Each structure stands twice: as C-alpha cells, then as structure tokens.
Amino acid sequence: MLGVCGIFLAGCQEDAKIKVVEVPAEFSERRGPHPSLPAPGQSAPDAATSQESGGLNFSTPDGWKIKPNGPMRLASFDIVDGEAKCDVSVIRLGPDQSVLDNVNRWRGQIKLDPVAENELALTEIKCGGQPGSLVELTGDAESILAVMVVRPDATWFLKLQGPKALAQQERDRFVSFVESFEIP
C-alpha cells in the first residue's frame, strides 16, 4: 500500500509544467481562414453582393455585421440597432436531427413551454432552392426565426435570435438571406 502511495505522490511534482496554447476558432485548421469575407465587425460591401465562405454562397443583407465563427458555426452575423442586437448563425449537424427537439430547445431559450409534434407550426421555405422549414417563435422579450433544411447527409440550421422588435423588423431580410443561401 505504501508503495502505491509513493508512486502516486511521485507524479505530483511541482516542476511538471502544463503548456496551454490558444488558437482562435475562426482560424483553426478545421475551419481554415475565410479570406473572401469582410473583416469581422464590418458590413458586407453591398446587400446584393454574394459572399463565399468555405463553400457557402449567400447574400448578406445591408447592415448585418459578419463576425468570427464560434464553435459549430459556419457563418455568424450581428444585427445591431441602437442597444438592440440579434445574432444570426449557420450550423450544419449530422442527419436525422429531430425537428421537435430543436424547436422545443429554442422555445426554452426564449422562455416558452414545449409543444407536442401536432402543435408544431412550420412554414415551407426554399433555402437556395432546397426545401426547408421555417419556425417563428415569439416570447415576451425575444424572438427566434429558424430554418431547418434536412438532407440525407446533414441537417442545416439558419437561425436569428434577439429582441422581439428587432427580430420582427429583420424577418423579411432573414428570409431573403435564407433564400439566397446555397447549401453545397
């Protein structure tokens, strides 16, 4: 028993150093840089201008600020109007994602109760010509507009979340963004 304790304590030396290296997610090897996008925090040059990022093509609405991608995000934007700010994200997950589970997770994010499958309110929408489903959720303070495109190889999510008034003000521009978004 003393021998085991001696081995254990020998491994707890103060001179053992742990080296921490930080790599910003937007420049990781997995994602690679996005040289075709404007610098984070800047607007796209023109709303009609298509942007390309890692095989993604889309038109960025005027005033939307491209920001660095966080974990899991393939594209990220801020929409700012005074003190109000909405977040827009594009995420790709594996196939067979549950629409109901995702809608109920989003409902929880804006303090709404979960719904049953027969209560789902989805609207058909085209995302770069491919069929998708739009859900519009409105809580007391925040709203979420989210589009899900289910394909055999992946499920794509395009989501806008923020203060209710600003989210509703940006609804038509979000829909235009979704319609312009070409999934590879």
Protein backbone atom coordinates (compact mmCIF):
# COMPACT_ATOMS: atom_id res chain seq x y z
CA MET A 1 0.00 0.00 0.00
CA LEU A 2 2.83 2.40 0.86
CA GLY A 3 4.48 1.63 -2.48
CA VAL A 4 1.34 2.59 -4.39
CA CYS A 5 1.05 5.85 -2.44
CA GLY A 6 4.72 6.60 -3.14
CA ILE A 7 4.22 6.15 -6.88
CA PHE A 8 1.10 8.33 -6.78
CA LEU A 9 2.83 11.12 -4.86
CA ALA A 10 5.90 10.99 -7.11
CA GLY A 11 3.67 12.02 -10.02
CA CYS A 12 2.58 15.18 -8.18
CA GLN A 13 5.73 17.21 -8.64
CA GLU A 14 5.60 20.99 -8.77
CA ASP A 15 8.10 21.20 -11.62
CA ALA A 16 5.70 19.42 -14.01
CA LYS A 17 4.53 22.14 -16.41
CA ILE A 18 1.39 22.22 -18.49
CA LYS A 19 1.66 24.23 -21.65
CA VAL A 20 -1.54 25.93 -22.86
CA VAL A 21 -1.83 27.04 -26.47
CA GLU A 22 -4.83 29.08 -27.62
CA VAL A 23 -5.94 29.08 -31.24
CA PRO A 24 -8.87 31.29 -32.27
CA ALA A 25 -11.69 29.09 -33.62
CA GLU A 26 -12.12 31.15 -36.77
CA PHE A 27 -8.55 30.34 -37.81
CA SER A 28 -8.31 26.72 -36.71
CA GLU A 29 -7.10 24.10 -39.15
CA ARG A 30 -10.55 22.55 -39.13
CA ARG A 31 -12.22 25.70 -40.39
CA GLY A 32 -9.44 27.49 -42.17
CA PRO A 33 -9.46 31.25 -42.70
CA HIS A 34 -12.23 32.96 -44.61
CA PRO A 35 -10.32 35.42 -46.79
CA SER A 36 -13.29 36.22 -49.01
CA LEU A 37 -15.34 37.69 -46.15
CA PRO A 38 -15.00 41.25 -44.85
CA ALA A 39 -13.16 41.60 -41.56
CA PRO A 40 -15.24 40.69 -38.50
CA GLY A 41 -17.48 43.58 -37.43
CA GLN A 42 -17.68 45.10 -40.91
CA SER A 43 -20.71 45.09 -43.18
CA ALA A 44 -20.76 43.29 -46.45
CA PRO A 45 -19.94 45.73 -49.27
CA ASP A 46 -23.39 45.53 -50.85
CA ALA A 47 -26.57 43.65 -49.94
CA ALA A 48 -26.75 42.26 -53.47
CA THR A 49 -23.17 41.04 -53.28
CA SER A 50 -22.79 37.33 -52.80
CA GLN A 51 -20.33 36.22 -50.17
CA GLU A 52 -18.48 32.94 -50.25
CA SER A 53 -17.17 31.17 -47.18
CA GLY A 54 -15.85 27.64 -47.07
CA GLY A 55 -18.04 26.51 -49.96
CA LEU A 56 -21.06 28.52 -48.79
CA ASN A 57 -22.62 31.14 -51.04
CA PHE A 58 -25.12 33.71 -49.78
CA SER A 59 -26.16 37.36 -49.98
CA THR A 60 -25.62 39.30 -46.79
CA PRO A 61 -28.31 41.92 -46.07
CA ASP A 62 -27.17 45.51 -45.66
CA GLY A 63 -26.14 46.32 -42.11
CA TRP A 64 -25.52 42.75 -41.00
CA LYS A 65 -22.05 42.54 -39.46
CA ILE A 66 -20.04 39.41 -40.17
CA LYS A 67 -18.38 38.13 -37.03
CA PRO A 68 -15.92 35.32 -36.29
CA ASN A 69 -17.41 31.85 -36.22
CA GLY A 70 -17.81 30.24 -32.83
CA PRO A 71 -17.84 26.52 -32.15
CA MET A 72 -20.00 24.65 -34.66
CA ARG A 73 -20.81 27.79 -36.66
CA LEU A 74 -20.12 28.01 -40.38
CA ALA A 75 -21.26 31.65 -40.61
CA SER A 76 -22.14 34.24 -37.93
CA PHE A 77 -23.62 37.74 -38.05
CA ASP A 78 -24.71 40.50 -35.68
CA ILE A 79 -27.62 42.82 -36.43
CA VAL A 80 -27.39 45.96 -34.31
CA ASP A 81 -29.97 48.72 -33.93
CA GLY A 82 -29.08 51.07 -31.08
CA GLU A 83 -28.95 48.97 -27.90
CA ALA A 84 -30.74 46.00 -29.52
CA LYS A 85 -28.74 43.17 -31.09
CA CYS A 86 -29.76 39.98 -32.89
CA ASP A 87 -27.48 37.02 -33.53
CA VAL A 88 -27.62 35.05 -36.79
CA SER A 89 -25.94 31.66 -37.09
CA VAL A 90 -25.49 28.94 -39.69
CA ILE A 91 -24.85 25.44 -38.34
CA ARG A 92 -24.53 22.05 -40.00
CA LEU A 93 -25.19 18.92 -37.93
CA GLY A 94 -25.49 15.26 -38.82
CA PRO A 95 -28.54 13.75 -40.44
CA ASP A 96 -31.65 12.69 -38.56
CA GLN A 97 -31.94 15.73 -36.28
CA SER A 98 -35.30 15.91 -34.50
CA VAL A 99 -37.29 18.95 -35.61
CA LEU A 100 -39.47 18.76 -32.48
CA ASP A 101 -36.47 18.54 -30.11
CA ASN A 102 -34.79 21.54 -31.74
CA VAL A 103 -37.96 23.64 -31.75
CA ASN A 104 -38.58 22.86 -28.08
CA ARG A 105 -34.94 23.70 -27.21
CA TRP A 106 -35.37 27.07 -28.97
CA ARG A 107 -38.71 27.63 -27.22
CA GLY A 108 -36.92 27.11 -23.89
CA GLN A 109 -34.27 29.67 -24.88
CA ILE A 110 -36.97 32.36 -25.07
CA LYS A 111 -38.95 31.09 -22.07
CA LEU A 112 -41.79 29.34 -23.93
CA ASP A 113 -43.25 26.00 -22.91
CA PRO A 114 -42.54 22.93 -25.07
CA VAL A 115 -45.09 21.79 -27.66
CA ALA A 116 -46.16 18.40 -28.95
CA GLU A 117 -45.42 17.33 -32.52
CA ASN A 118 -49.00 18.00 -33.64
CA GLU A 119 -48.62 21.60 -32.37
CA LEU A 120 -45.57 22.44 -34.48
CA ALA A 121 -46.17 25.50 -36.66
CA LEU A 122 -43.77 25.19 -39.62
CA THR A 123 -43.83 27.12 -42.88
CA GLU A 124 -42.28 25.77 -46.06
CA ILE A 125 -39.38 27.86 -47.37
CA LYS A 126 -36.70 27.46 -50.04
CA CYS A 127 -33.09 27.66 -48.92
CA GLY A 128 -31.00 28.15 -52.04
CA GLY A 129 -33.66 26.23 -53.97
CA GLN A 130 -33.81 23.34 -51.48
CA PRO A 131 -36.90 22.70 -49.35
CA GLY A 132 -36.73 23.77 -45.74
CA SER A 133 -38.99 24.54 -42.79
CA LEU A 134 -39.27 27.94 -41.08
CA VAL A 135 -40.36 28.25 -37.46
CA GLU A 136 -41.17 31.63 -35.92
CA LEU A 137 -41.16 31.75 -32.14
CA THR A 138 -42.10 34.85 -30.15
CA GLY A 139 -41.59 35.09 -26.42
CA ASP A 140 -42.29 38.03 -24.12
CA ALA A 141 -38.92 39.66 -24.77
CA GLU A 142 -37.18 37.66 -27.53
CA SER A 143 -37.97 36.02 -30.84
CA ILE A 144 -36.34 33.25 -32.82
CA LEU A 145 -36.64 32.71 -36.57
CA ALA A 146 -35.09 29.41 -37.58
CA VAL A 147 -34.89 27.42 -40.79
CA MET A 148 -34.10 23.72 -40.91
CA VAL A 149 -33.02 22.02 -44.13
CA VAL A 150 -32.99 18.25 -43.76
CA ARG A 151 -30.83 16.33 -46.22
CA PRO A 152 -29.70 12.70 -46.23
CA ASP A 153 -26.12 13.70 -45.27
CA ALA A 154 -26.78 16.59 -42.84
CA THR A 155 -29.27 18.95 -41.27
CA TRP A 156 -28.66 22.66 -41.77
CA PHE A 157 -29.89 25.32 -39.33
CA LEU A 158 -30.08 29.05 -40.11
CA LYS A 159 -31.24 30.94 -37.03
CA LEU A 160 -31.88 34.54 -35.98
CA GLN A 161 -32.37 35.27 -32.27
CA GLY A 162 -32.79 38.54 -30.45
CA PRO A 163 -35.13 41.17 -29.03
CA LYS A 164 -38.67 40.71 -30.31
CA ALA A 165 -39.00 44.10 -32.07
CA LEU A 166 -35.67 43.88 -33.90
CA ALA A 167 -36.16 40.23 -34.86
CA GLN A 168 -39.56 41.02 -36.37
CA GLN A 169 -38.11 44.07 -38.13
CA GLU A 170 -35.42 41.83 -39.71
CA ARG A 171 -37.81 38.99 -40.62
CA ASP A 172 -38.05 39.73 -44.37
CA ARG A 173 -34.29 40.28 -44.66
CA PHE A 174 -33.66 36.99 -42.83
CA VAL A 175 -35.99 35.23 -45.28
CA SER A 176 -34.10 36.81 -48.21
CA PHE A 177 -30.80 35.66 -46.67
CA VAL A 178 -32.16 32.11 -46.32
CA GLU A 179 -33.45 32.09 -49.90
CA SER A 180 -30.02 33.21 -51.16
CA PHE A 181 -28.14 30.62 -49.09
CA GLU A 182 -26.78 27.84 -51.29
CA ILE A 183 -26.04 24.63 -49.44
CA PRO A 184 -23.13 22.76 -51.02
